[in-house]
């Protein structure tokens, strides 16, 4: 059985994928912007589908493949990206963890004014 960790970082305008093995060695590092054609938007349906199929298709060929997925950050297409990813790796996903920092809306002390 092969065990991989897929780390996904969502930024405002881009998505980064890092694939590591269980030892932490980086096997694949890609960004959505690397496939971008000048003048086109990166965060569209077809662009995200092509990005996943082009970069992660060779993983799907392995037998007994198990993947832990960790995501971080916010993006307007985060829901779409994770839905396509779950469809692509249907039976291979062991866990999915979202490490996004959510605001706690706690009280913050007022900044001291300096003269």
PDB file of N, CA and C in Angstrom:
ATOM      1  N   UNK A   1       0.839  -1.172   0.000  1.00  0.00           N
ATOM      2  CA  UNK A   1       0.000   0.000   0.000  1.00  0.00           C
ATOM      3  C   UNK A   1       0.892   1.245   0.000  1.00  0.00           C
ATOM      4  N   UNK A   2       0.600   2.180  -0.888  1.00  0.00           N
ATOM      5  CA  UNK A   2       1.351   3.424  -0.966  1.00  0.00           C
ATOM      6  C   UNK A   2       0.554   4.517  -0.279  1.00  0.00           C
ATOM      7  N   UNK A   3       1.230   5.263   0.602  1.00  0.00           N
ATOM      8  CA  UNK A   3       0.590   6.304   1.389  1.00  0.00           C
ATOM      9  C   UNK A   3       1.166   7.658   0.983  1.00  0.00           C
ATOM     10  N   UNK A   4       0.280   8.594   0.615  1.00  0.00           N
ATOM     11  CA  UNK A   4       0.692   9.928   0.197  1.00  0.00           C
ATOM     12  C   UNK A   4      -0.074  10.978   0.988  1.00  0.00           C
ATOM     13  N   UNK A   5       0.519  12.158   1.085  1.00  0.00           N
ATOM     14  CA  UNK A   5      -0.133  13.310   1.697  1.00  0.00           C
ATOM     15  C   UNK A   5      -0.253  14.393   0.635  1.00  0.00           C
ATOM     16  N   UNK A   6      -1.463  14.880   0.416  1.00  0.00           N
ATOM     17  CA  UNK A   6      -1.706  15.945  -0.550  1.00  0.00           C
ATOM     18  C   UNK A   6      -2.038  17.209   0.224  1.00  0.00           C
ATOM     19  N   UNK A   7      -1.161  18.208   0.132  1.00  0.00           N
ATOM     20  CA  UNK A   7      -1.351  19.467   0.833  1.00  0.00           C
ATOM     21  C   UNK A   7      -1.834  20.505  -0.170  1.00  0.00           C
ATOM     22  N   UNK A   8      -2.952  21.154   0.131  1.00  0.00           N
ATOM     23  CA  UNK A   8      -3.546  22.131  -0.773  1.00  0.00           C
ATOM     24  C   UNK A   8      -3.590  23.477  -0.072  1.00  0.00           C
ATOM     25  N   UNK A   9      -3.021  24.495  -0.698  1.00  0.00           N
ATOM     26  CA  UNK A   9      -3.050  25.845  -0.154  1.00  0.00           C
ATOM     27  C   UNK A   9      -3.866  26.716  -1.096  1.00  0.00           C
ATOM     28  N   UNK A  10      -4.950  27.266  -0.560  1.00  0.00           N
ATOM     29  CA  UNK A  10      -5.805  28.160  -1.331  1.00  0.00           C
ATOM     30  C   UNK A  10      -5.440  29.599  -0.980  1.00  0.00           C
ATOM     31  N   UNK A  11      -5.054  30.365  -1.973  1.00  0.00           N
ATOM     32  CA  UNK A  11      -4.842  31.789  -1.772  1.00  0.00           C
ATOM     33  C   UNK A  11      -5.946  32.518  -2.532  1.00  0.00           C
ATOM     34  N   UNK A  12      -5.938  33.823  -2.471  1.00  0.00           N
ATOM     35  CA  UNK A  12      -7.020  34.583  -3.087  1.00  0.00           C
ATOM     36  C   UNK A  12      -7.084  34.358  -4.597  1.00  0.00           C
ATOM     37  N   UNK A  13      -5.927  34.263  -5.248  1.00  0.00           N
ATOM     38  CA  UNK A  13      -5.906  34.155  -6.704  1.00  0.00           C
ATOM     39  C   UNK A  13      -5.263  32.889  -7.241  1.00  0.00           C
ATOM     40  N   UNK A  14      -4.894  31.953  -6.364  1.00  0.00           N
ATOM     41  CA  UNK A  14      -4.165  30.790  -6.847  1.00  0.00           C
ATOM     42  C   UNK A  14      -4.426  29.584  -5.943  1.00  0.00           C
ATOM     43  N   UNK A  15      -4.070  28.409  -6.429  1.00  0.00           N
ATOM     44  CA  UNK A  15      -4.162  27.164  -5.661  1.00  0.00           C
ATOM     45  C   UNK A  15      -2.838  26.428  -5.836  1.00  0.00           C
ATOM     46  N   UNK A  16      -2.240  26.001  -4.721  1.00  0.00           N
ATOM     47  CA  UNK A  16      -0.971  25.276  -4.756  1.00  0.00           C
ATOM     48  C   UNK A  16      -1.181  23.850  -4.269  1.00  0.00           C
ATOM     49  N   UNK A  17      -0.602  22.881  -4.980  1.00  0.00           N
ATOM     50  CA  UNK A  17      -0.653  21.472  -4.599  1.00  0.00           C
ATOM     51  C   UNK A  17       0.757  20.995  -4.271  1.00  0.00           C
ATOM     52  N   UNK A  18       0.888  20.286  -3.151  1.00  0.00           N
ATOM     53  CA  UNK A  18       2.158  19.663  -2.797  1.00  0.00           C
ATOM     54  C   UNK A  18       1.868  18.216  -2.443  1.00  0.00           C
ATOM     55  N   UNK A  19       2.508  17.305  -3.120  1.00  0.00           N
ATOM     56  CA  UNK A  19       2.332  15.880  -2.859  1.00  0.00           C
ATOM     57  C   UNK A  19       3.599  15.348  -2.216  1.00  0.00           C
ATOM     58  N   UNK A  20       3.444  14.732  -1.036  1.00  0.00           N
ATOM     59  CA  UNK A  20       4.590  14.166  -0.333  1.00  0.00           C
ATOM     60  C   UNK A  20       4.320  12.705  -0.008  1.00  0.00           C
ATOM     61  N   UNK A  21       5.396  11.967   0.223  1.00  0.00           N
ATOM     62  CA  UNK A  21       5.229  10.606   0.709  1.00  0.00           C
ATOM     63  C   UNK A  21       5.188  10.631   2.235  1.00  0.00           C
ATOM     64  N   UNK A  22       5.124   9.482   2.876  1.00  0.00           N
ATOM     65  CA  UNK A  22       4.987   9.446   4.334  1.00  0.00           C
ATOM     66  C   UNK A  22       6.252   9.899   5.056  1.00  0.00           C
ATOM     67  N   UNK A  23       7.383   9.954   4.355  1.00  0.00           N
ATOM     68  CA  UNK A  23       8.628  10.440   4.957  1.00  0.00           C
ATOM     69  C   UNK A  23       8.732  11.958   4.890  1.00  0.00           C
ATOM     70  N   UNK A  24       7.880  12.598   4.097  1.00  0.00           N
ATOM     71  CA  UNK A  24       7.902  14.045   3.963  1.00  0.00           C
ATOM     72  C   UNK A  24       8.659  14.535   2.753  1.00  0.00           C
ATOM     73  N   UNK A  25       9.087  13.641   1.890  1.00  0.00           N
ATOM     74  CA  UNK A  25       9.811  14.026   0.683  1.00  0.00           C
ATOM     75  C   UNK A  25       8.818  14.529  -0.364  1.00  0.00           C
ATOM     76  N   UNK A  26       9.086  15.679  -0.925  1.00  0.00           N
ATOM     77  CA  UNK A  26       8.184  16.281  -1.907  1.00  0.00           C
ATOM     78  C   UNK A  26       8.314  15.553  -3.241  1.00  0.00           C
ATOM     79  N   UNK A  27       7.186  15.035  -3.731  1.00  0.00           N
ATOM     80  CA  UNK A  27       7.173  14.322  -5.000  1.00  0.00           C
ATOM     81  C   UNK A  27       6.654  15.195  -6.132  1.00  0.00           C
ATOM     82  N   UNK A  28       5.753  16.119  -5.801  1.00  0.00           N
ATOM     83  CA  UNK A  28       5.130  16.958  -6.817  1.00  0.00           C
ATOM     84  C   UNK A  28       4.757  18.289  -6.192  1.00  0.00           C
ATOM     85  N   UNK A  29       5.052  19.381  -6.885  1.00  0.00           N
ATOM     86  CA  UNK A  29       4.644  20.704  -6.441  1.00  0.00           C
ATOM     87  C   UNK A  29       4.153  21.453  -7.660  1.00  0.00           C
ATOM     88  N   UNK A  30       2.893  21.852  -7.644  1.00  0.00           N
ATOM     89  CA  UNK A  30       2.304  22.548  -8.790  1.00  0.00           C
ATOM     90  C   UNK A  30       1.435  23.686  -8.301  1.00  0.00           C
ATOM     91  N   UNK A  31       1.292  24.698  -9.135  1.00  0.00           N
ATOM     92  CA  UNK A  31       0.357  25.773  -8.853  1.00  0.00           C
ATOM     93  C   UNK A  31      -0.569  25.935 -10.049  1.00  0.00           C
ATOM     94  N   UNK A  32      -1.747  26.406  -9.776  1.00  0.00           N
ATOM     95  CA  UNK A  32      -2.733  26.601 -10.836  1.00  0.00           C
ATOM     96  C   UNK A  32      -2.253  27.661 -11.819  1.00  0.00           C
ATOM     97  N   UNK A  33      -1.466  28.612 -11.326  1.00  0.00           N
ATOM     98  CA  UNK A  33      -0.956  29.682 -12.177  1.00  0.00           C
ATOM     99  C   UNK A  33       0.068  29.225 -13.196  1.00  0.00           C
ATOM    100  N   UNK A  34       0.698  28.070 -12.967  1.00  0.00           N
ATOM    101  CA  UNK A  34       1.717  27.592 -13.911  1.00  0.00           C
ATOM    102  C   UNK A  34       1.106  27.163 -15.245  1.00  0.00           C
ATOM    103  N   UNK A  35      -0.175  26.817 -15.248  1.00  0.00           N
ATOM    104  CA  UNK A  35      -0.837  26.398 -16.488  1.00  0.00           C
ATOM    105  C   UNK A  35      -1.586  27.541 -17.159  1.00  0.00           C
ATOM    106  N   UNK A  36      -1.591  28.701 -16.531  1.00  0.00           N
ATOM    107  CA  UNK A  36      -2.423  29.808 -16.990  1.00  0.00           C
ATOM    108  C   UNK A  36      -1.934  30.371 -18.322  1.00  0.00           C
ATOM    109  N   UNK A  37      -2.898  30.642 -19.167  1.00  0.00           N
ATOM    110  CA  UNK A  37      -2.631  31.329 -20.418  1.00  0.00           C
ATOM    111  C   UNK A  37      -2.924  32.800 -20.175  1.00  0.00           C
ATOM    112  N   UNK A  38      -2.073  33.661 -20.643  1.00  0.00           N
ATOM    113  CA  UNK A  38      -2.220  35.091 -20.365  1.00  0.00           C
ATOM    114  C   UNK A  38      -3.561  35.607 -20.895  1.00  0.00           C
ATOM    115  N   UNK A  39      -4.260  36.333 -20.052  1.00  0.00           N
ATOM    116  CA  UNK A  39      -5.540  36.905 -20.447  1.00  0.00           C
ATOM    117  C   UNK A  39      -6.742  36.085 -20.019  1.00  0.00           C
ATOM    118  N   UNK A  40      -6.527  34.856 -19.522  1.00  0.00           N
ATOM    119  CA  UNK A  40      -7.634  34.013 -19.066  1.00  0.00           C
ATOM    120  C   UNK A  40      -7.653  33.957 -17.542  1.00  0.00           C
ATOM    121  N   UNK A  41      -8.830  33.742 -16.990  1.00  0.00           N
ATOM    122  CA  UNK A  41      -8.950  33.601 -15.540  1.00  0.00           C
ATOM    123  C   UNK A  41      -8.508  32.212 -15.120  1.00  0.00           C
ATOM    124  N   UNK A  42      -7.881  32.130 -13.935  1.00  0.00           N
ATOM    125  CA  UNK A  42      -7.381  30.840 -13.437  1.00  0.00           C
ATOM    126  C   UNK A  42      -8.481  30.022 -12.768  1.00  0.00           C
ATOM    127  N   UNK A  43      -9.390  30.680 -12.079  1.00  0.00           N
ATOM    128  CA  UNK A  43     -10.339  29.980 -11.226  1.00  0.00           C
ATOM    129  C   UNK A  43     -11.667  29.735 -11.936  1.00  0.00           C
ATOM    130  N   UNK A  44     -11.628  28.965 -13.004  1.00  0.00           N
ATOM    131  CA  UNK A  44     -12.849  28.586 -13.707  1.00  0.00           C
ATOM    132  C   UNK A  44     -13.024  27.069 -13.615  1.00  0.00           C
ATOM    133  N   UNK A  45     -14.239  26.626 -13.897  1.00  0.00           N
ATOM    134  CA  UNK A  45     -14.579  25.199 -13.816  1.00  0.00           C
ATOM    135  C   UNK A  45     -13.643  24.328 -14.645  1.00  0.00           C
ATOM    136  N   UNK A  46     -13.567  24.623 -15.910  1.00  0.00           N
ATOM    137  CA  UNK A  46     -12.795  23.775 -16.817  1.00  0.00           C
ATOM    138  C   UNK A  46     -11.295  23.836 -16.512  1.00  0.00           C
ATOM    139  N   UNK A  47     -10.821  24.996 -16.098  1.00  0.00           N
ATOM    140  CA  UNK A  47      -9.398  25.155 -15.788  1.00  0.00           C
ATOM    141  C   UNK A  47      -9.013  24.316 -14.578  1.00  0.00           C
ATOM    142  N   UNK A  48      -9.873  24.296 -13.552  1.00  0.00           N
ATOM    143  CA  UNK A  48      -9.607  23.501 -12.345  1.00  0.00           C
ATOM    144  C   UNK A  48      -9.652  22.011 -12.658  1.00  0.00           C
ATOM    145  N   UNK A  49     -10.626  21.574 -13.442  1.00  0.00           N
ATOM    146  CA  UNK A  49     -10.721  20.153 -13.831  1.00  0.00           C
ATOM    147  C   UNK A  49      -9.470  19.712 -14.587  1.00  0.00           C
ATOM    148  N   UNK A  50      -9.048  20.507 -15.547  1.00  0.00           N
ATOM    149  CA  UNK A  50      -7.853  20.166 -16.325  1.00  0.00           C
ATOM    150  C   UNK A  50      -6.619  20.103 -15.436  1.00  0.00           C
ATOM    151  N   UNK A  51      -6.517  21.026 -14.489  1.00  0.00           N
ATOM    152  CA  UNK A  51      -5.378  21.058 -13.578  1.00  0.00           C
ATOM    153  C   UNK A  51      -5.297  19.780 -12.756  1.00  0.00           C
ATOM    154  N   UNK A  52      -6.419  19.327 -12.216  1.00  0.00           N
ATOM    155  CA  UNK A  52      -6.437  18.103 -11.406  1.00  0.00           C
ATOM    156  C   UNK A  52      -6.128  16.880 -12.266  1.00  0.00           C
ATOM    157  N   UNK A  53      -6.762  16.766 -13.416  1.00  0.00           N
ATOM    158  CA  UNK A  53      -6.562  15.596 -14.255  1.00  0.00           C
ATOM    159  C   UNK A  53      -5.147  15.530 -14.825  1.00  0.00           C
ATOM    160  N   UNK A  54      -4.574  16.663 -15.188  1.00  0.00           N
ATOM    161  CA  UNK A  54      -3.219  16.651 -15.742  1.00  0.00           C
ATOM    162  C   UNK A  54      -2.166  16.301 -14.698  1.00  0.00           C
ATOM    163  N   UNK A  55      -2.300  16.847 -13.491  1.00  0.00           N
ATOM    164  CA  UNK A  55      -1.241  16.695 -12.493  1.00  0.00           C
ATOM    165  C   UNK A  55      -1.384  15.455 -11.623  1.00  0.00           C
ATOM    166  N   UNK A  56      -2.589  14.981 -11.407  1.00  0.00           N
ATOM    167  CA  UNK A  56      -2.786  13.866 -10.484  1.00  0.00           C
ATOM    168  C   UNK A  56      -3.207  12.572 -11.180  1.00  0.00           C
ATOM    169  N   UNK A  57      -3.207  12.561 -12.495  1.00  0.00           N
ATOM    170  CA  UNK A  57      -3.641  11.380 -13.232  1.00  0.00           C
ATOM    171  C   UNK A  57      -2.679  10.206 -13.055  1.00  0.00           C
ATOM    172  N   UNK A  58      -1.391  10.479 -12.975  1.00  0.00           N
ATOM    173  CA  UNK A  58      -0.407   9.395 -12.824  1.00  0.00           C
ATOM    174  C   UNK A  58      -0.529   8.715 -11.451  1.00  0.00           C
ATOM    175  N   UNK A  59      -1.019   9.420 -10.457  1.00  0.00           N
ATOM    176  CA  UNK A  59      -1.234   8.822  -9.129  1.00  0.00           C
ATOM    177  C   UNK A  59      -2.340   7.782  -9.154  1.00  0.00           C
ATOM    178  N   UNK A  60      -3.352   8.064  -9.955  1.00  0.00           N
ATOM    179  CA  UNK A  60      -4.523   7.190  -9.985  1.00  0.00           C
ATOM    180  C   UNK A  60      -4.185   5.812 -10.556  1.00  0.00           C
ATOM    181  N   UNK A  61      -3.099   5.714 -11.292  1.00  0.00           N
ATOM    182  CA  UNK A  61      -2.709   4.439 -11.906  1.00  0.00           C
ATOM    183  C   UNK A  61      -2.162   3.437 -10.887  1.00  0.00           C
ATOM    184  N   UNK A  62      -1.678   3.922  -9.733  1.00  0.00           N
ATOM    185  CA  UNK A  62      -1.119   3.033  -8.713  1.00  0.00           C
ATOM    186  C   UNK A  62      -2.218   2.207  -8.047  1.00  0.00           C
ATOM    187  N   UNK A  63      -1.901   0.970  -7.771  1.00  0.00           N
ATOM    188  CA  UNK A  63      -2.809   0.112  -7.022  1.00  0.00           C
ATOM    189  C   UNK A  63      -2.584   0.325  -5.533  1.00  0.00           C
ATOM    190  N   UNK A  64      -3.590   0.116  -4.711  1.00  0.00           N
ATOM    191  CA  UNK A  64      -3.512   0.260  -3.251  1.00  0.00           C
ATOM    192  C   UNK A  64      -3.006   1.644  -2.849  1.00  0.00           C
ATOM    193  N   UNK A  65      -3.511   2.658  -3.497  1.00  0.00           N
ATOM    194  CA  UNK A  65      -3.125   4.040  -3.220  1.00  0.00           C
ATOM    195  C   UNK A  65      -4.033   4.620  -2.134  1.00  0.00           C
ATOM    196  N   UNK A  66      -3.444   5.219  -1.108  1.00  0.00           N
ATOM    197  CA  UNK A  66      -4.194   5.872  -0.041  1.00  0.00           C
ATOM    198  C   UNK A  66      -3.656   7.289   0.137  1.00  0.00           C
ATOM    199  N   UNK A  67      -4.572   8.256   0.265  1.00  0.00           N
ATOM    200  CA  UNK A  67      -4.179   9.657   0.334  1.00  0.00           C
ATOM    201  C   UNK A  67      -4.812  10.335   1.540  1.00  0.00           C
ATOM    202  N   UNK A  68      -3.991  11.110   2.257  1.00  0.00           N
ATOM    203  CA  UNK A  68      -4.474  12.012   3.300  1.00  0.00           C
ATOM    204  C   UNK A  68      -4.443  13.412   2.687  1.00  0.00           C
ATOM    205  N   UNK A  69      -5.545  14.132   2.762  1.00  0.00           N
ATOM    206  CA  UNK A  69      -5.621  15.462   2.166  1.00  0.00           C
ATOM    207  C   UNK A  69      -5.713  16.505   3.262  1.00  0.00           C
ATOM    208  N   UNK A  70      -4.859  17.540   3.172  1.00  0.00           N
ATOM    209  CA  UNK A  70      -4.904  18.672   4.096  1.00  0.00           C
ATOM    210  C   UNK A  70      -5.073  19.932   3.271  1.00  0.00           C
ATOM    211  N   UNK A  71      -6.035  20.762   3.661  1.00  0.00           N
ATOM    212  CA  UNK A  71      -6.217  22.019   2.945  1.00  0.00           C
ATOM    213  C   UNK A  71      -6.105  23.180   3.914  1.00  0.00           C
ATOM    214  N   UNK A  72      -5.742  24.322   3.361  1.00  0.00           N
ATOM    215  CA  UNK A  72      -5.565  25.511   4.174  1.00  0.00           C
ATOM    216  C   UNK A  72      -5.881  26.728   3.324  1.00  0.00           C
ATOM    217  N   UNK A  73      -6.546  27.707   3.907  1.00  0.00           N
ATOM    218  CA  UNK A  73      -6.822  28.959   3.223  1.00  0.00           C
ATOM    219  C   UNK A  73      -8.222  29.020   2.659  1.00  0.00           C
ATOM    220  N   UNK A  74      -8.540  30.176   2.141  1.00  0.00           N
ATOM    221  CA  UNK A  74      -9.866  30.422   1.575  1.00  0.00           C
ATOM    222  C   UNK A  74      -9.732  30.882   0.139  1.00  0.00           C
ATOM    223  N   UNK A  75     -10.753  30.531  -0.642  1.00  0.00           N
ATOM    224  CA  UNK A  75     -10.770  30.860  -2.049  1.00  0.00           C
ATOM    225  C   UNK A  75     -12.213  30.770  -2.511  1.00  0.00           C
ATOM    226  N   UNK A  76     -12.577  31.517  -3.542  1.00  0.00           N
ATOM    227  CA  UNK A  76     -13.962  31.461  -4.006  1.00  0.00           C
ATOM    228  C   UNK A  76     -14.283  30.131  -4.693  1.00  0.00           C
ATOM    229  N   UNK A  77     -13.283  29.395  -5.120  1.00  0.00           N
ATOM    230  CA  UNK A  77     -13.529  28.116  -5.793  1.00  0.00           C
ATOM    231  C   UNK A  77     -13.071  26.922  -4.952  1.00  0.00           C
ATOM    232  N   UNK A  78     -12.944  27.087  -3.660  1.00  0.00           N
ATOM    233  CA  UNK A  78     -12.483  26.005  -2.778  1.00  0.00           C
ATOM    234  C   UNK A  78     -13.464  24.836  -2.764  1.00  0.00           C
ATOM    235  N   UNK A  79     -14.747  25.142  -2.698  1.00  0.00           N
ATOM    236  CA  UNK A  79     -15.774  24.104  -2.659  1.00  0.00           C
ATOM    237  C   UNK A  79     -15.771  23.292  -3.957  1.00  0.00           C
ATOM    238  N   UNK A  80     -15.671  23.974  -5.080  1.00  0.00           N
ATOM    239  CA  UNK A  80     -15.635  23.308  -6.381  1.00  0.00           C
ATOM    240  C   UNK A  80     -14.399  22.423  -6.503  1.00  0.00           C
ATOM    241  N   UNK A  81     -13.253  22.948  -6.091  1.00  0.00           N
ATOM    242  CA  UNK A  81     -12.000  22.201  -6.192  1.00  0.00           C
ATOM    243  C   UNK A  81     -12.047  20.927  -5.360  1.00  0.00           C
ATOM    244  N   UNK A  82     -12.532  21.015  -4.110  1.00  0.00           N
ATOM    245  CA  UNK A  82     -12.589  19.826  -3.254  1.00  0.00           C
ATOM    246  C   UNK A  82     -13.608  18.817  -3.777  1.00  0.00           C
ATOM    247  N   UNK A  83     -14.710  19.289  -4.342  1.00  0.00           N
ATOM    248  CA  UNK A  83     -15.710  18.376  -4.899  1.00  0.00           C
ATOM    249  C   UNK A  83     -15.134  17.588  -6.068  1.00  0.00           C
ATOM    250  N   UNK A  84     -14.406  18.251  -6.947  1.00  0.00           N
ATOM    251  CA  UNK A  84     -13.783  17.570  -8.094  1.00  0.00           C
ATOM    252  C   UNK A  84     -12.702  16.609  -7.609  1.00  0.00           C
ATOM    253  N   UNK A  85     -11.948  17.007  -6.584  1.00  0.00           N
ATOM    254  CA  UNK A  85     -10.890  16.167  -6.034  1.00  0.00           C
ATOM    255  C   UNK A  85     -11.463  14.890  -5.409  1.00  0.00           C
ATOM    256  N   UNK A  86     -12.569  15.026  -4.670  1.00  0.00           N
ATOM    257  CA  UNK A  86     -13.209  13.853  -4.080  1.00  0.00           C
ATOM    258  C   UNK A  86     -13.757  12.928  -5.165  1.00  0.00           C
ATOM    259  N   UNK A  87     -14.295  13.483  -6.232  1.00  0.00           N
ATOM    260  CA  UNK A  87     -14.790  12.667  -7.332  1.00  0.00           C
ATOM    261  C   UNK A  87     -13.645  11.940  -8.025  1.00  0.00           C
ATOM    262  N   UNK A  88     -12.497  12.603  -8.153  1.00  0.00           N
ATOM    263  CA  UNK A  88     -11.346  12.042  -8.849  1.00  0.00           C
ATOM    264  C   UNK A  88     -10.712  10.890  -8.074  1.00  0.00           C
ATOM    265  N   UNK A  89     -10.606  11.024  -6.735  1.00  0.00           N
ATOM    266  CA  UNK A  89      -9.956  10.010  -5.903  1.00  0.00           C
ATOM    267  C   UNK A  89     -10.944   9.184  -5.086  1.00  0.00           C
ATOM    268  N   UNK A  90     -12.134   8.986  -5.513  1.00  0.00           N
ATOM    269  CA  UNK A  90     -13.245   8.393  -4.773  1.00  0.00           C
ATOM    270  C   UNK A  90     -12.874   7.428  -3.656  1.00  0.00           C
ATOM    271  N   UNK A  91     -12.236   6.327  -3.961  1.00  0.00           N
ATOM    272  CA  UNK A  91     -11.975   5.283  -2.966  1.00  0.00           C
ATOM    273  C   UNK A  91     -10.596   5.378  -2.319  1.00  0.00           C
ATOM    274  N   UNK A  92      -9.774   6.286  -2.768  1.00  0.00           N
ATOM    275  CA  UNK A  92      -8.395   6.352  -2.289  1.00  0.00           C
ATOM    276  C   UNK A  92      -8.195   7.265  -1.092  1.00  0.00           C
ATOM    277  N   UNK A  93      -9.167   8.095  -0.752  1.00  0.00           N
ATOM    278  CA  UNK A  93      -8.994   9.092   0.304  1.00  0.00           C
ATOM    279  C   UNK A  93      -9.200   8.458   1.680  1.00  0.00           C
ATOM    280  N   UNK A  94      -8.192   8.603   2.534  1.00  0.00           N
ATOM    281  CA  UNK A  94      -8.295   8.133   3.917  1.00  0.00           C
ATOM    282  C   UNK A  94      -8.858   9.204   4.834  1.00  0.00           C
ATOM    283  N   UNK A  95      -8.359  10.443   4.692  1.00  0.00           N
ATOM    284  CA  UNK A  95      -8.839  11.522   5.557  1.00  0.00           C
ATOM    285  C   UNK A  95      -8.758  12.853   4.835  1.00  0.00           C
ATOM    286  N   UNK A  96      -9.570  13.790   5.304  1.00  0.00           N
ATOM    287  CA  UNK A  96      -9.561  15.152   4.783  1.00  0.00           C
ATOM    288  C   UNK A  96      -9.578  16.100   5.966  1.00  0.00           C
ATOM    289  N   UNK A  97      -8.566  16.965   6.057  1.00  0.00           N
ATOM    290  CA  UNK A  97      -8.449  17.897   7.167  1.00  0.00           C
ATOM    291  C   UNK A  97      -8.381  19.305   6.605  1.00  0.00           C
ATOM    292  N   UNK A  98      -9.182  20.212   7.170  1.00  0.00           N
ATOM    293  CA  UNK A  98      -9.160  21.608   6.763  1.00  0.00           C
ATOM    294  C   UNK A  98      -8.542  22.420   7.891  1.00  0.00           C
ATOM    295  N   UNK A  99      -7.346  22.954   7.675  1.00  0.00           N
ATOM    296  CA  UNK A  99      -6.615  23.706   8.697  1.00  0.00           C
ATOM    297  C   UNK A  99      -6.736  25.208   8.514  1.00  0.00           C
ATOM    298  N   UNK A 100      -7.855  25.672   8.008  1.00  0.00           N
ATOM    299  CA  UNK A 100      -8.028  27.105   7.790  1.00  0.00           C
ATOM    300  C   UNK A 100      -8.254  27.806   9.113  1.00  0.00           C
ATOM    301  N   UNK A 101      -7.650  28.964   9.253  1.00  0.00           N
ATOM    302  CA  UNK A 101      -7.837  29.753  10.459  1.00  0.00           C
ATOM    303  C   UNK A 101      -9.133  30.544  10.346  1.00  0.00           C
ATOM    304  N   UNK A 102     -10.036  30.304  11.270  1.00  0.00           N
ATOM    305  CA  UNK A 102     -11.287  31.041  11.275  1.00  0.00           C
ATOM    306  C   UNK A 102     -11.221  32.139  12.320  1.00  0.00           C
ATOM    307  N   UNK A 103     -11.780  33.305  12.016  1.00  0.00           N
ATOM    308  CA  UNK A 103     -11.748  34.384  13.000  1.00  0.00           C
ATOM    309  C   UNK A 103     -12.604  34.041  14.214  1.00  0.00           C
ATOM    310  N   UNK A 104     -12.116  34.382  15.380  1.00  0.00           N
ATOM    311  CA  UNK A 104     -12.861  34.102  16.611  1.00  0.00           C
ATOM    312  C   UNK A 104     -13.711  35.284  17.035  1.00  0.00           C
ATOM    313  N   UNK A 105     -13.537  36.436  16.390  1.00  0.00           N
ATOM    314  CA  UNK A 105     -14.261  37.653  16.718  1.00  0.00           C
ATOM    315  C   UNK A 105     -14.122  38.013  18.195  1.00  0.00           C
ATOM    316  N   UNK A 106     -12.960  37.772  18.731  1.00  0.00           N
ATOM    317  CA  UNK A 106     -12.693  38.106  20.121  1.00  0.00           C
ATOM    318  C   UNK A 106     -12.357  39.580  20.281  1.00  0.00           C
ATOM    319  N   UNK A 107     -12.375  40.037  21.499  1.00  0.00           N
ATOM    320  CA  UNK A 107     -12.054  41.434  21.781  1.00  0.00           C
ATOM    321  C   UNK A 107     -10.554  41.647  21.667  1.00  0.00           C
ATOM    322  N   UNK A 108     -10.197  42.752  21.115  1.00  0.00           N
ATOM    323  CA  UNK A 108      -8.803  43.099  20.959  1.00  0.00           C
ATOM    324  C   UNK A 108      -8.556  44.402  21.707  1.00  0.00           C
ATOM    325  N   UNK A 109      -7.485  44.458  22.478  1.00  0.00           N
ATOM    326  CA  UNK A 109      -7.207  45.676  23.209  1.00  0.00           C
ATOM    327  C   UNK A 109      -6.823  46.796  22.245  1.00  0.00           C
ATOM    328  N   UNK A 110      -7.201  47.998  22.609  1.00  0.00           N
ATOM    329  CA  UNK A 110      -6.970  49.142  21.753  1.00  0.00           C
ATOM    330  C   UNK A 110      -5.472  49.450  21.699  1.00  0.00           C
ATOM    331  N   UNK A 111      -4.994  49.801  20.518  1.00  0.00           N
ATOM    332  CA  UNK A 111      -3.583  50.094  20.333  1.00  0.00           C
ATOM    333  C   UNK A 111      -3.205  51.373  21.060  1.00  0.00           C
ATOM    334  N   UNK A 112      -2.084  51.371  21.767  1.00  0.00           N
ATOM    335  CA  UNK A 112      -1.649  52.552  22.509  1.00  0.00           C
ATOM    336  C   UNK A 112      -1.166  53.621  21.526  1.00  0.00           C
ATOM    337  N   UNK A 113      -1.600  54.824  21.807  1.00  0.00           N
ATOM    338  CA  UNK A 113      -1.228  55.937  20.934  1.00  0.00           C
ATOM    339  C   UNK A 113       0.117  56.508  21.382  1.00  0.00           C
ATOM    340  N   UNK A 114       0.992  56.694  20.431  1.00  0.00           N
ATOM    341  CA  UNK A 114       2.306  57.258  20.725  1.00  0.00           C
ATOM    342  C   UNK A 114       2.361  58.699  20.233  1.00  0.00           C
ATOM    343  N   UNK A 115       2.988  59.539  21.056  1.00  0.00           N
ATOM    344  CA  UNK A 115       3.122  60.956  20.687  1.00  0.00           C
ATOM    345  C   UNK A 115       4.522  61.298  20.279  1.00  0.00           C
TER     346      UNK A 115
END
